[in-house]
C-alpha atoms as a PDB file:
ATOM      1  CA  MET A   1       8.953 -11.426  11.443  1.00  0.00           C
ATOM      2  CA  ALA A   2       6.090 -10.940  13.919  1.00  0.00           C
ATOM      3  CA  HIS A   3       7.809  -7.799  15.210  1.00  0.00           C
ATOM      4  CA  LYS A   4       8.180  -6.510  11.622  1.00  0.00           C
ATOM      5  CA  CYS A   5       4.486  -7.094  10.931  1.00  0.00           C
ATOM      6  CA  GLN A   6       3.557  -5.049  13.987  1.00  0.00           C
ATOM      7  CA  SER A   7       5.946  -2.249  13.023  1.00  0.00           C
ATOM      8  CA  VAL A   8       4.702  -1.806   9.432  1.00  0.00           C
ATOM      9  CA  LEU A   9       1.058  -1.819  10.559  1.00  0.00           C
ATOM     10  CA  ASP A  10       1.626   0.327  13.642  1.00  0.00           C
ATOM     11  CA  GLU A  11      -1.181   2.804  14.312  1.00  0.00           C
ATOM     12  CA  ASP A  12       1.096   5.762  14.982  1.00  0.00           C
ATOM     13  CA  VAL A  13       3.155   5.064  11.837  1.00  0.00           C
ATOM     14  CA  LEU A  14       0.095   4.890   9.592  1.00  0.00           C
ATOM     15  CA  ASN A  15      -1.583   7.945  11.092  1.00  0.00           C
ATOM     16  CA  GLU A  16       1.616   9.992  10.835  1.00  0.00           C
ATOM     17  CA  ARG A  17       2.023   8.914   7.199  1.00  0.00           C
ATOM     18  CA  GLY A  18      -1.566   9.945   6.478  1.00  0.00           C
ATOM     19  CA  GLN A  19      -0.995  13.387   7.948  1.00  0.00           C
ATOM     20  CA  HIS A  20       2.305  13.750   6.080  1.00  0.00           C
ATOM     21  CA  VAL A  21       0.743  13.113   2.630  1.00  0.00           C
ATOM     22  CA  GLY A  22      -2.343  15.201   3.463  1.00  0.00           C
ATOM     23  CA  LEU A  23      -4.833  12.349   3.721  1.00  0.00           C
ATOM     24  CA  ALA A  24      -5.993  13.517   7.162  1.00  0.00           C
ATOM     25  CA  THR A  25      -5.540  17.103   8.313  1.00  0.00           C
ATOM     26  CA  ARG A  26      -7.489  16.592  11.549  1.00  0.00           C
ATOM     27  CA  GLU A  27      -8.675  13.720  13.733  1.00  0.00           C
ATOM     28  CA  ARG A  28     -11.638  11.878  12.226  1.00  0.00           C
ATOM     29  CA  LEU A  29     -13.677   8.791  13.005  1.00  0.00           C
ATOM     30  CA  ILE A  30     -11.983   6.957  10.104  1.00  0.00           C
ATOM     31  CA  THR A  31      -8.290   7.591  10.728  1.00  0.00           C
ATOM     32  CA  PRO A  32      -5.585   6.733   8.151  1.00  0.00           C
ATOM     33  CA  CYS A  33      -4.743   3.650  10.198  1.00  0.00           C
ATOM     34  CA  ARG A  34      -8.321   2.390  10.268  1.00  0.00           C
ATOM     35  CA  LEU A  35      -8.822   3.166   6.592  1.00  0.00           C
ATOM     36  CA  GLY A  36      -5.589   1.464   5.530  1.00  0.00           C
ATOM     37  CA  LEU A  37      -6.082  -1.690   7.580  1.00  0.00           C
ATOM     38  CA  SER A  38      -9.733  -2.068   6.590  1.00  0.00           C
ATOM     39  CA  VAL A  39      -8.944  -1.714   2.869  1.00  0.00           C
ATOM     40  CA  VAL A  40      -6.093  -4.222   3.076  1.00  0.00           C
ATOM     41  CA  ALA A  41      -8.166  -6.638   5.163  1.00  0.00           C
ATOM     42  CA  SER A  42     -11.176  -6.538   2.842  1.00  0.00           C
ATOM     43  CA  LEU A  43      -9.164  -6.912  -0.350  1.00  0.00           C
ATOM     44  CA  ALA A  44      -6.965  -9.646   1.122  1.00  0.00           C
ATOM     45  CA  THR A  45      -9.735 -11.865   2.505  1.00  0.00           C
ATOM     46  CA  GLN A  46     -12.548 -11.636  -0.045  1.00  0.00           C
ATOM     47  CA  GLN A  47     -13.352 -10.711  -3.615  1.00  0.00           C
ATOM     48  CA  VAL A  48     -14.591  -7.140  -3.434  1.00  0.00           C
ATOM     49  CA  GLN A  49     -17.351  -6.486  -5.953  1.00  0.00           C
ATOM     50  CA  THR A  50     -18.322  -2.958  -4.874  1.00  0.00           C
ATOM     51  CA  LEU A  51     -16.943  -0.191  -2.699  1.00  0.00           C
ATOM     52  CA  ALA A  52     -19.779  -0.892  -0.276  1.00  0.00           C
ATOM     53  CA  ASP A  53     -17.975  -4.163   0.571  1.00  0.00           C
ATOM     54  CA  VAL A  54     -15.004  -2.129   1.804  1.00  0.00           C
ATOM     55  CA  HIS A  55     -17.320   0.064   3.849  1.00  0.00           C
ATOM     56  CA  ARG A  56     -18.974  -2.947   5.524  1.00  0.00           C
ATOM     57  CA  GLN A  57     -15.563  -4.468   6.271  1.00  0.00           C
ATOM     58  CA  CYS A  58     -14.415  -1.205   7.838  1.00  0.00           C
ATOM     59  CA  ASN A  59     -17.423  -1.058  10.174  1.00  0.00           C
ATOM     60  CA  ALA A  60     -17.098  -4.738  11.096  1.00  0.00           C
ATOM     61  CA  LEU A  61     -13.354  -4.498  11.748  1.00  0.00           C
ATOM     62  CA  TRP A  62     -13.559  -1.435  13.987  1.00  0.00           C
ATOM     63  CA  GLU A  63     -17.058  -2.071  15.375  1.00  0.00           C
ATOM     64  CA  ARG A  64     -18.301   1.303  14.166  1.00  0.00           C
ATOM     65  CA  GLU A  65     -21.502   2.508  12.530  1.00  0.00           C
ATOM     66  CA  SER A  66     -20.003   5.095  10.191  1.00  0.00           C
ATOM     67  CA  ASP A  67     -21.882   6.170   7.101  1.00  0.00           C
ATOM     68  CA  GLU A  68     -20.595   5.454   3.586  1.00  0.00           C
ATOM     69  CA  ASN A  69     -19.157   8.947   3.102  1.00  0.00           C
ATOM     70  CA  ALA A  70     -16.931   8.668   6.167  1.00  0.00           C
ATOM     71  CA  CYS A  71     -15.168   5.704   4.567  1.00  0.00           C
ATOM     72  CA  SER A  72     -15.292   6.624   0.873  1.00  0.00           C
ATOM     73  CA  THR A  73     -14.374  10.319   1.061  1.00  0.00           C
ATOM     74  CA  PRO A  74     -10.725   9.681   2.120  1.00  0.00           C
ATOM     75  CA  ARG A  75     -10.366   7.075  -0.652  1.00  0.00           C
ATOM     76  CA  ARG A  76     -11.456   9.575  -3.299  1.00  0.00           C
ATOM     77  CA  THR A  77      -9.001  12.297  -2.272  1.00  0.00           C
ATOM     78  CA  SER A  78      -6.001  12.993  -4.507  1.00  0.00           C
ATOM     79  CA  THR A  79      -3.606  12.059  -1.679  1.00  0.00           C
ATOM     80  CA  SER A  80      -4.975   8.552  -1.055  1.00  0.00           C
ATOM     81  CA  PRO A  81      -2.840   6.883  -3.808  1.00  0.00           C
ATOM     82  CA  ALA A  82       0.325   8.345  -2.243  1.00  0.00           C
ATOM     83  CA  PHE A  83      -0.703   7.024   1.190  1.00  0.00           C
ATOM     84  CA  PHE A  84      -1.343   3.468  -0.022  1.00  0.00           C
ATOM     85  CA  ARG A  85       1.657   3.480  -2.374  1.00  0.00           C
ATOM     86  CA  THR A  86       4.010   4.572   0.414  1.00  0.00           C
ATOM     87  CA  SER A  87       2.518   2.029   2.809  1.00  0.00           C
ATOM     88  CA  LEU A  88       2.873  -0.761   0.286  1.00  0.00           C
ATOM     89  CA  GLY A  89       6.505   0.145  -0.385  1.00  0.00           C
ATOM     90  CA  HIS A  90       7.208   0.078   3.363  1.00  0.00           C
ATOM     91  CA  ILE A  91       5.612  -3.366   3.697  1.00  0.00           C
ATOM     92  CA  MET A  92       7.590  -4.748   0.749  1.00  0.00           C
ATOM     93  CA  ARG A  93      10.898  -3.461   2.137  1.00  0.00           C
ATOM     94  CA  GLN A  94      10.346  -4.786   5.644  1.00  0.00           C
ATOM     95  CA  LEU A  95       8.657  -8.149   5.067  1.00  0.00           C
ATOM     96  CA  THR A  96      11.009  -9.716   2.519  1.00  0.00           C
ATOM     97  CA  MET A  97      13.972 -11.929   3.275  1.00  0.00           C
ATOM     98  CA  LYS A  98      16.221 -14.385   1.449  1.00  0.00           C
ATOM     99  CA  VAL A  99      14.654 -17.845   1.532  1.00  0.00           C
ATOM    100  CA  LEU A 100      16.282 -19.565  -1.464  1.00  0.00           C
ATOM    101  CA  GLY A 101      19.814 -19.936  -2.788  1.00  0.00           C
ATOM    102  CA  PHE A 102      22.227 -21.838  -4.994  1.00  0.00           C
ATOM    103  CA  GLU A 103      24.888 -24.243  -3.801  1.00  0.00           C
ATOM    104  CA  ALA A 104      28.398 -22.850  -3.633  1.00  0.00           C
ATOM    105  CA  GLY A 105      30.215 -23.294  -6.913  1.00  0.00           C
ATOM    106  CA  GLN A 106      27.091 -23.304  -9.050  1.00  0.00           C
ATOM    107  CA  ALA A 107      27.107 -20.808 -11.913  1.00  0.00           C
ATOM    108  CA  PHE A 108      24.165 -18.753 -10.668  1.00  0.00           C
ATOM    109  CA  SER A 109      25.577 -18.591  -7.144  1.00  0.00           C
ATOM    110  CA  ALA A 110      27.857 -15.821  -8.424  1.00  0.00           C
ATOM    111  CA  PHE A 111      24.913 -13.396  -8.562  1.00  0.00           C
ATOM    112  CA  ASN A 112      23.651 -11.369  -5.627  1.00  0.00           C
ATOM    113  CA  ARG A 113      20.045 -11.244  -6.859  1.00  0.00           C
ATOM    114  CA  LEU A 114      18.004 -13.050  -9.486  1.00  0.00           C
ATOM    115  CA  LEU A 115      15.402 -10.587 -10.810  1.00  0.00           C
ATOM    116  CA  LEU A 116      12.407 -11.383 -13.011  1.00  0.00           C
ATOM    117  CA  GLN A 117      10.607  -8.501 -14.709  1.00  0.00           C
ATOM    118  CA  ASP A 118       7.237  -8.550 -16.467  1.00  0.00           C
ATOM    119  CA  GLY A 119       3.879  -6.791 -16.665  1.00  0.00           C
ATOM    120  CA  SER A 120       0.189  -7.599 -16.918  1.00  0.00           C
ATOM    121  CA  ALA A 121      -2.685  -5.366 -18.046  1.00  0.00           C
ATOM    122  CA  PHE A 122      -6.339  -5.218 -17.048  1.00  0.00           C
ATOM    123  CA  ALA A 123      -9.247  -3.092 -18.240  1.00  0.00           C
ATOM    124  CA  LEU A 124     -10.728  -0.133 -16.373  1.00  0.00           C
ATOM    125  CA  HIS A 125     -13.928   1.867 -16.753  1.00  0.00           C
ATOM    126  CA  GLU A 126     -13.963   3.580 -20.143  1.00  0.00           C
ATOM    127  CA  ALA A 127     -14.380   6.958 -18.414  1.00  0.00           C
ATOM    128  CA  LEU A 128     -10.691   6.697 -17.409  1.00  0.00           C
ATOM    129  CA  ALA A 129      -9.449   6.482 -21.017  1.00  0.00           C
ATOM    130  CA  ALA A 130      -7.876   9.948 -20.807  1.00  0.00           C
ATOM    131  CA  VAL A 131      -5.889   9.036 -17.669  1.00  0.00           C
ATOM    132  CA  PHE A 132      -5.127   5.369 -18.422  1.00  0.00           C
ATOM    133  CA  PRO A 133      -5.384   4.876 -22.214  1.00  0.00           C
ATOM    134  CA  GLY A 134      -5.471   1.270 -23.416  1.00  0.00           C
ATOM    135  CA  ARG A 135      -3.768  -0.258 -26.434  1.00  0.00           C
ATOM    136  CA  CYS A 136      -6.949  -1.952 -27.712  1.00  0.00           C
ATOM    137  CA  ASN A 137      -9.276   1.021 -28.125  1.00  0.00           C
ATOM    138  CA  ALA A 138     -12.120  -0.981 -29.651  1.00  0.00           C
ATOM    139  CA  VAL A 139     -12.272  -3.485 -26.766  1.00  0.00           C
ATOM    140  CA  SER A 140     -10.822  -1.644 -23.753  1.00  0.00           C
ATOM    141  CA  PRO A 141     -10.326   2.090 -24.299  1.00  0.00           C
ATOM    142  CA  ALA A 142      -9.058   2.365 -20.717  1.00  0.00           C
ATOM    143  CA  ALA A 143      -6.522  -0.075 -19.315  1.00  0.00           C
ATOM    144  CA  VAL A 144      -3.710  -0.085 -16.814  1.00  0.00           C
ATOM    145  CA  ALA A 145      -0.562  -2.199 -16.707  1.00  0.00           C
ATOM    146  CA  ARG A 146       0.895  -3.538 -13.494  1.00  0.00           C
ATOM    147  CA  HIS A 147       4.670  -3.985 -13.874  1.00  0.00           C
ATOM    148  CA  GLY A 148       6.490  -5.998 -11.251  1.00  0.00           C
ATOM    149  CA  THR A 149      10.025  -7.132 -10.477  1.00  0.00           C
ATOM    150  CA  LEU A 150      10.271 -10.417  -8.570  1.00  0.00           C
ATOM    151  CA  GLU A 151      13.367 -11.389  -6.612  1.00  0.00           C
ATOM    152  CA  VAL A 152      13.615 -15.169  -6.871  1.00  0.00           C
ATOM    153  CA  LEU A 153      15.895 -15.693  -3.875  1.00  0.00           C
ATOM    154  CA  GLN A 154      13.491 -13.736  -1.655  1.00  0.00           C
ATOM    155  CA  ASP A 155      10.463 -15.263  -3.418  1.00  0.00           C
ATOM    156  CA  ALA A 156       8.742 -11.881  -3.271  1.00  0.00           C
ATOM    157  CA  PRO A 157       8.131  -8.808  -5.440  1.00  0.00           C
ATOM    158  CA  ILE A 158      10.518  -5.949  -4.734  1.00  0.00           C
ATOM    159  CA  THR A 159       9.106  -3.261  -7.035  1.00  0.00           C
ATOM    160  CA  MET A 160       5.700  -2.596  -8.576  1.00  0.00           C
ATOM    161  CA  ALA A 161       4.518   0.164 -10.889  1.00  0.00           C
ATOM    162  CA  LEU A 162       1.066   1.126 -12.135  1.00  0.00           C
ATOM    163  CA  ARG A 163       1.200   2.705 -15.596  1.00  0.00           C
ATOM    164  CA  PRO A 164      -1.123   3.349 -18.548  1.00  0.00           C
ATOM    165  CA  ASP A 165      -1.265   0.329 -20.826  1.00  0.00           C
ATOM    166  CA  THR A 166       0.140   2.375 -23.695  1.00  0.00           C
ATOM    167  CA  ASP A 167       3.419   3.085 -21.873  1.00  0.00           C
ATOM    168  CA  ALA A 168       6.434   1.106 -23.035  1.00  0.00           C
ATOM    169  CA  GLU A 169       7.241  -1.901 -20.880  1.00  0.00           C
ATOM    170  CA  HIS A 170      10.956  -1.148 -20.788  1.00  0.00           C
ATOM    171  CA  ASP A 171      10.234   2.115 -18.931  1.00  0.00           C
ATOM    172  CA  SER A 172       9.479   0.016 -15.817  1.00  0.00           C
ATOM    173  CA  ARG A 173      12.592  -2.138 -15.776  1.00  0.00           C
ATOM    174  CA  PRO A 174      15.307  -1.738 -13.113  1.00  0.00           C
ATOM    175  CA  GLU A 175      17.954   0.904 -13.722  1.00  0.00           C
ATOM    176  CA  PRO A 176      21.206  -0.547 -15.173  1.00  0.00           C
ATOM    177  CA  GLN A 177      23.356   0.869 -12.355  1.00  0.00           C
ATOM    178  CA  SER A 178      21.212  -0.969  -9.777  1.00  0.00           C
ATOM    179  CA  LEU A 179      21.996  -4.369 -11.325  1.00  0.00           C
ATOM    180  CA  ARG A 180      25.696  -4.642 -10.451  1.00  0.00           C
ATOM    181  CA  GLY A 181      26.300  -8.263  -9.484  1.00  0.00           C
ATOM    182  CA  ASP A 182      22.686  -9.208 -10.354  1.00  0.00           C
ATOM    183  CA  VAL A 183      21.025 -11.052 -13.212  1.00  0.00           C
ATOM    184  CA  CYS A 184      17.787  -9.790 -14.766  1.00  0.00           C
ATOM    185  CA  LEU A 185      15.455 -11.987 -16.849  1.00  0.00           C
ATOM    186  CA  ALA A 186      12.953 -10.129 -19.030  1.00  0.00           C
ATOM    187  CA  ASP A 187      10.646 -10.592 -21.995  1.00  0.00           C
ATOM    188  CA  ARG A 188      11.098  -9.044 -25.445  1.00  0.00           C
ATOM    189  CA  GLY A 189       9.023  -5.990 -24.476  1.00  0.00           C
ATOM    190  CA  SER A 190      11.819  -4.952 -22.122  1.00  0.00           C
ATOM    191  CA  LEU A 191      14.519  -5.236 -24.773  1.00  0.00           C
ATOM    192  CA  ASP A 192      16.498  -2.088 -25.412  1.00  0.00           C
ATOM    193  CA  LEU A 193      20.009  -2.618 -26.755  1.00  0.00           C
ATOM    194  CA  ALA A 194      21.329   0.539 -25.138  1.00  0.00           C
ATOM    195  CA  SER A 195      20.109  -0.656 -21.727  1.00  0.00           C
ATOM    196  CA  VAL A 196      21.605  -4.121 -22.274  1.00  0.00           C
ATOM    197  CA  ARG A 197      24.916  -2.415 -23.002  1.00  0.00           C
ATOM    198  CA  ASP A 198      24.596  -0.236 -19.890  1.00  0.00           C
ATOM    199  CA  ILE A 199      23.808  -3.267 -17.720  1.00  0.00           C
ATOM    200  CA  ASP A 200      26.965  -4.930 -19.043  1.00  0.00           C
ATOM    201  CA  ARG A 201      29.027  -1.813 -18.367  1.00  0.00           C
ATOM    202  CA  HIS A 202      27.793  -1.663 -14.764  1.00  0.00           C
ATOM    203  CA  GLY A 203      28.737  -5.281 -14.063  1.00  0.00           C
ATOM    204  CA  GLY A 204      25.266  -6.812 -14.335  1.00  0.00           C
ATOM    205  CA  CYS A 205      23.908  -9.705 -16.334  1.00  0.00           C
ATOM    206  CA  CYS A 206      20.755  -9.902 -18.446  1.00  0.00           C
ATOM    207  CA  MET A 207      18.860 -12.610 -20.298  1.00  0.00           C
ATOM    208  CA  VAL A 208      16.246 -11.138 -22.619  1.00  0.00           C
ATOM    209  CA  ARG A 209      14.134 -12.614 -25.386  1.00  0.00           C
ATOM    210  CA  SER A 210      15.027 -11.070 -28.707  1.00  0.00           C
ATOM    211  CA  LYS A 211      12.267  -9.446 -30.730  1.00  0.00           C
ATOM    212  CA  ALA A 212      11.831  -9.418 -34.495  1.00  0.00           C
ATOM    213  CA  GLY A 213      13.530  -6.761 -36.562  1.00  0.00           C
ATOM    214  CA  LEU A 214      16.947  -6.969 -34.911  1.00  0.00           C
ATOM    215  CA  HIS A 215      19.552  -7.851 -37.529  1.00  0.00           C
ATOM    216  CA  PRO A 216      23.062  -7.732 -36.062  1.00  0.00           C
ATOM    217  CA  ARG A 217      26.331  -8.776 -37.640  1.00  0.00           C
ATOM    218  CA  VAL A 218      27.279 -12.391 -36.890  1.00  0.00           C
ATOM    219  CA  ILE A 219      30.934 -12.648 -35.850  1.00  0.00           C
ATOM    220  CA  ASP A 220      30.984 -16.370 -35.117  1.00  0.00           C
ATOM    221  CA  ALA A 221      28.470 -19.222 -34.909  1.00  0.00           C
ATOM    222  CA  SER A 222      28.379 -22.774 -33.568  1.00  0.00           C
ATOM    223  CA  ARG A 223      25.901 -25.544 -32.819  1.00  0.00           C
ATOM    224  CA  GLU A 224      25.100 -26.730 -29.307  1.00  0.00           C
ATOM    225  CA  ASP A 225      27.320 -29.782 -29.797  1.00  0.00           C
ATOM    226  CA  GLY A 226      30.279 -27.462 -30.415  1.00  0.00           C
ATOM    227  CA  GLN A 227      30.579 -27.749 -34.186  1.00  0.00           C
ATOM    228  CA  ARG A 228      31.292 -24.363 -35.765  1.00  0.00           C
ATOM    229  CA  LEU A 229      29.066 -23.053 -38.538  1.00  0.00           C
ATOM    230  CA  THR A 230      31.697 -21.608 -40.854  1.00  0.00           C
ATOM    231  CA  SER A 231      29.137 -20.571 -43.476  1.00  0.00           C
ATOM    232  CA  CYS A 232      27.503 -18.233 -40.927  1.00  0.00           C
ATOM    233  CA  GLN A 233      30.595 -16.302 -39.884  1.00  0.00           C
ATOM    234  CA  ASP A 234      30.997 -12.594 -40.585  1.00  0.00           C
ATOM    235  CA  ARG A 235      27.567 -12.213 -42.181  1.00  0.00           C
ATOM    236  CA  ASP A 236      24.321 -10.414 -41.445  1.00  0.00           C
ATOM    237  CA  CYS A 237      22.086 -12.388 -39.107  1.00  0.00           C
ATOM    238  CA  GLN A 238      19.041 -12.052 -41.370  1.00  0.00           C
ATOM    239  CA  ALA A 239      20.934 -13.674 -44.241  1.00  0.00           C
ATOM    240  CA  ILE A 240      22.039 -16.786 -42.320  1.00  0.00           C
ATOM    241  CA  ILE A 241      19.054 -17.446 -40.050  1.00  0.00           C
ATOM    242  CA  ALA A 242      17.730 -20.117 -42.456  1.00  0.00           C
ATOM    243  CA  GLN A 243      21.034 -21.992 -42.141  1.00  0.00           C
ATOM    244  CA  CYS A 244      20.694 -22.473 -38.375  1.00  0.00           C
ATOM    245  CA  PRO A 245      20.146 -26.109 -37.356  1.00  0.00           C
ATOM    246  CA  THR A 246      16.560 -27.200 -36.767  1.00  0.00           C
ATOM    247  CA  ARG A 247      17.264 -30.186 -34.489  1.00  0.00           C
ATOM    248  CA  GLN A 248      19.438 -28.449 -31.918  1.00  0.00           C
ATOM    249  CA  ARG A 249      20.105 -24.971 -30.626  1.00  0.00           C
ATOM    250  CA  ALA A 250      22.826 -22.718 -31.974  1.00  0.00           C
ATOM    251  CA  GLU A 251      24.905 -19.900 -30.555  1.00  0.00           C
ATOM    252  CA  LEU A 252      25.715 -16.739 -32.460  1.00  0.00           C
ATOM    253  CA  ASP A 253      28.326 -14.202 -31.411  1.00  0.00           C
ATOM    254  CA  VAL A 254      26.709 -11.012 -32.719  1.00  0.00           C
ATOM    255  CA  ALA A 255      27.457  -7.302 -32.680  1.00  0.00           C
ATOM    256  CA  TRP A 256      25.516  -4.061 -33.116  1.00  0.00           C
ATOM    257  CA  LEU A 257      26.723  -0.517 -33.557  1.00  0.00           C
ATOM    258  CA  ILE A 258      25.362   1.546 -30.666  1.00  0.00           C
ATOM    259  CA  GLU A 259      26.271   5.228 -30.700  1.00  0.00           C
ATOM    260  CA  GLY A 260      29.065   4.433 -33.150  1.00  0.00           C
ATOM    261  CA  GLU A 261      30.656   1.722 -30.989  1.00  0.00           C
ATOM    262  CA  PRO A 262      30.332  -2.072 -31.447  1.00  0.00           C
ATOM    263  CA  PHE A 263      28.530  -4.003 -28.723  1.00  0.00           C
ATOM    264  CA  ARG A 264      28.843  -7.800 -28.719  1.00  0.00           C
ATOM    265  CA  VAL A 265      26.513 -10.294 -27.023  1.00  0.00           C
ATOM    266  CA  ARG A 266      25.557 -13.939 -27.339  1.00  0.00           C
ATOM    267  CA  ARG A 267      22.396 -14.742 -29.267  1.00  0.00           C
ATOM    268  CA  LEU A 268      21.012 -18.232 -28.636  1.00  0.00           C
ATOM    269  CA  VAL A 269      18.630 -19.430 -31.345  1.00  0.00           C
ATOM    270  CA  ARG A 270      16.419 -22.461 -31.832  1.00  0.00           C
ATOM    271  CA  TRP A 271      13.921 -23.534 -34.453  1.00  0.00           C
ATOM    272  CA  HIS A 272      10.363 -23.650 -33.123  1.00  0.00           C
ATOM    273  CA  PRO A 273       8.361 -26.142 -35.221  1.00  0.00           C
ATOM    274  CA  ALA A 274       4.981 -25.087 -33.819  1.00  0.00           C
ATOM    275  CA  THR A 275       5.398 -21.499 -35.037  1.00  0.00           C
ATOM    276  CA  THR A 276       7.782 -22.336 -37.921  1.00  0.00           C
ATOM    277  CA  CYS A 277      10.103 -19.551 -36.881  1.00  0.00           C
ATOM    278  CA  VAL A 278      13.253 -19.002 -34.863  1.00  0.00           C
ATOM    279  CA  ASP A 279      13.192 -18.061 -31.177  1.00  0.00           C
ATOM    280  CA  SER A 280      16.216 -16.260 -29.806  1.00  0.00           C
ATOM    281  CA  LEU A 281      17.604 -15.185 -26.460  1.00  0.00           C
ATOM    282  CA  LEU A 282      20.207 -12.494 -25.788  1.00  0.00           C
ATOM    283  CA  THR A 283      22.693 -12.599 -22.929  1.00  0.00           C
ATOM    284  CA  ASN A 284      25.973 -10.914 -22.050  1.00  0.00           C
ATOM    285  CA  ARG A 285      27.297 -13.937 -20.107  1.00  0.00           C
ATOM    286  CA  HIS A 286      30.370 -15.652 -21.509  1.00  0.00           C
ATOM    287  CA  GLN A 287      30.407 -19.268 -22.583  1.00  0.00           C
ATOM    288  CA  ASP A 288      33.021 -20.529 -20.116  1.00  0.00           C
ATOM    289  CA  ARG A 289      30.512 -21.254 -17.303  1.00  0.00           C
ATOM    290  CA  TYR A 290      27.215 -20.439 -18.951  1.00  0.00           C
ATOM    291  CA  THR A 291      26.520 -22.979 -21.659  1.00  0.00           C
ATOM    292  CA  ILE A 292      23.501 -22.831 -23.956  1.00  0.00           C
ATOM    293  CA  LYS A 293      21.708 -25.421 -21.823  1.00  0.00           C
ATOM    294  CA  ARG A 294      22.422 -23.561 -18.586  1.00  0.00           C
ATOM    295  CA  ILE A 295      21.291 -20.206 -19.957  1.00  0.00           C
ATOM    296  CA  CYS A 296      18.046 -21.659 -21.330  1.00  0.00           C
ATOM    297  CA  ARG A 297      17.280 -23.509 -18.097  1.00  0.00           C
ATOM    298  CA  GLY A 298      17.956 -20.370 -16.107  1.00  0.00           C
ATOM    299  CA  TYR A 299      15.653 -18.314 -18.312  1.00  0.00           C
ATOM    300  CA  GLN A 300      12.801 -20.725 -17.579  1.00  0.00           C
ATOM    301  CA  LEU A 301      12.677 -19.194 -14.098  1.00  0.00           C
ATOM    302  CA  ARG A 302      11.063 -16.115 -15.654  1.00  0.00           C
ATOM    303  CA  TRP A 303       7.754 -17.982 -15.750  1.00  0.00           C
ATOM    304  CA  HIS A 304       7.549 -17.431 -11.989  1.00  0.00           C
ATOM    305  CA  VAL A 305       6.789 -13.730 -12.419  1.00  0.00           C
ATOM    306  CA  GLU A 306       4.223 -14.379 -15.172  1.00  0.00           C
ATOM    307  CA  LEU A 307       2.402 -16.874 -12.974  1.00  0.00           C
ATOM    308  CA  LEU A 308       2.544 -14.449 -10.046  1.00  0.00           C
ATOM    309  CA  LEU A 309       0.970 -11.646 -12.087  1.00  0.00           C
ATOM    310  CA  LYS A 310      -1.776 -13.965 -13.344  1.00  0.00           C
ATOM    311  CA  GLU A 311      -2.422 -15.080  -9.773  1.00  0.00           C
ATOM    312  CA  TRP A 312      -2.723 -11.480  -8.640  1.00  0.00           C
ATOM    313  CA  LYS A 313      -5.179 -10.666 -11.406  1.00  0.00           C
ATOM    314  CA  SER A 314      -7.439 -13.693 -10.943  1.00  0.00           C
ATOM    315  CA  TYR A 315      -7.366 -14.210  -7.174  1.00  0.00           C
ATOM    316  CA  THR A 316      -7.852 -10.545  -6.329  1.00  0.00           C
ATOM    317  CA  ASN A 317     -10.633 -10.169  -8.908  1.00  0.00           C
ATOM    318  CA  LEU A 318      -8.949  -7.248 -10.671  1.00  0.00           C
ATOM    319  CA  HIS A 319     -10.674  -7.991 -13.971  1.00  0.00           C
ATOM    320  CA  GLN A 320     -13.912  -6.778 -12.346  1.00  0.00           C
ATOM    321  CA  PHE A 321     -12.513  -3.617 -10.715  1.00  0.00           C
ATOM    322  CA  ASP A 322     -14.918  -0.986 -12.070  1.00  0.00           C
ATOM    323  CA  THR A 323     -14.768   2.672 -11.050  1.00  0.00           C
ATOM    324  CA  GLU A 324     -14.697   6.052 -12.769  1.00  0.00           C
ATOM    325  CA  LYS A 325     -12.376   7.531 -10.115  1.00  0.00           C
ATOM    326  CA  ASP A 326      -8.710   7.488 -11.105  1.00  0.00           C
ATOM    327  CA  THR A 327      -7.583   7.813  -7.468  1.00  0.00           C
ATOM    328  CA  ILE A 328      -9.544   4.702  -6.465  1.00  0.00           C
ATOM    329  CA  SER A 329      -8.045   2.836  -9.432  1.00  0.00           C
ATOM    330  CA  GLU A 330      -4.560   3.618  -8.123  1.00  0.00           C
ATOM    331  CA  VAL A 331      -5.563   2.515  -4.630  1.00  0.00           C
ATOM    332  CA  SER A 332      -6.306  -0.915  -6.130  1.00  0.00           C
ATOM    333  CA  GLY A 333      -2.561  -1.521  -5.914  1.00  0.00           C
ATOM    334  CA  CYS A 334      -2.950  -2.249  -2.214  1.00  0.00           C
ATOM    335  CA  LYS A 335      -4.620  -5.520  -3.197  1.00  0.00           C
ATOM    336  CA  PHE A 336      -1.129  -6.941  -3.602  1.00  0.00           C
ATOM    337  CA  CYS A 337      -0.055  -6.208  -0.022  1.00  0.00           C
ATOM    338  CA  LYS A 338      -0.899  -9.693   1.158  1.00  0.00           C
ATOM    339  CA  TYR A 339       1.521 -11.254  -1.336  1.00  0.00           C
ATOM    340  CA  SER A 340       4.485  -9.318  -0.016  1.00  0.00           C
END
């Protein structure tokens, strides 16, 4: 691991990457290597309130007396996001390894990877509303969403995307063909029935919270104790939802028509007394090894990615990141380097 750390932060590698993306066309006092390491060091060791904090860290780290423009000019260039984004991707690929696992024979040991997908938004300067429009115009006209995919067995994020807050969350989920042999846990914002079908066709597994407005046809239904609910069979889900038990969970075998073809999944439902409504979870795993209890316990792992995103936002002080430069806003993604 020590050798990998040296390789991803190697001076020649960083300087060559800076020249490749156009960050540095000639040798300067603040080279791409010095700029990259100083930005990562300052954002990883302290809460940066202003860009002057980054400048002071750069001078202290390299024992230089450069003026503010020497440090800030490269950060404001249009190529700086590509430099930091490429560097971050390199760090994430090289510094992750499998540290957790399931015992042989356990249900989830059949999967190669256990992926958790979610996103978290934070406000930007209102001058960036045209580049990063927010969903709550009255409160935050400019906002950006950080979408991340966490690999549980590596205990590390494997992908991250910075998108306008108005973009759909499911646009940032992993591609179905990349999930062969994997299981992906996602929130209702990532639900797209066509993608769930494609994941199933490519040999992957998904567990996704179901959102309101989905009314499939119920083929079969049973309680968690195994008793079949004959009154719920071969009916529309919306018509029988009130007949689901309130003291235990139920399992519905449901089907939708997608592009003229039926697609069947399991829909696990439970009555939530606090909200006086029904929560539901969709999965394409069969019942033979994946009981209702096992699926629900497995889905609880998704809280790991939500806690990670909240930790990123609070610990790195992102809620106070205030700049009118869209390139500097994108560079803020390097704040997450230390967590990789």
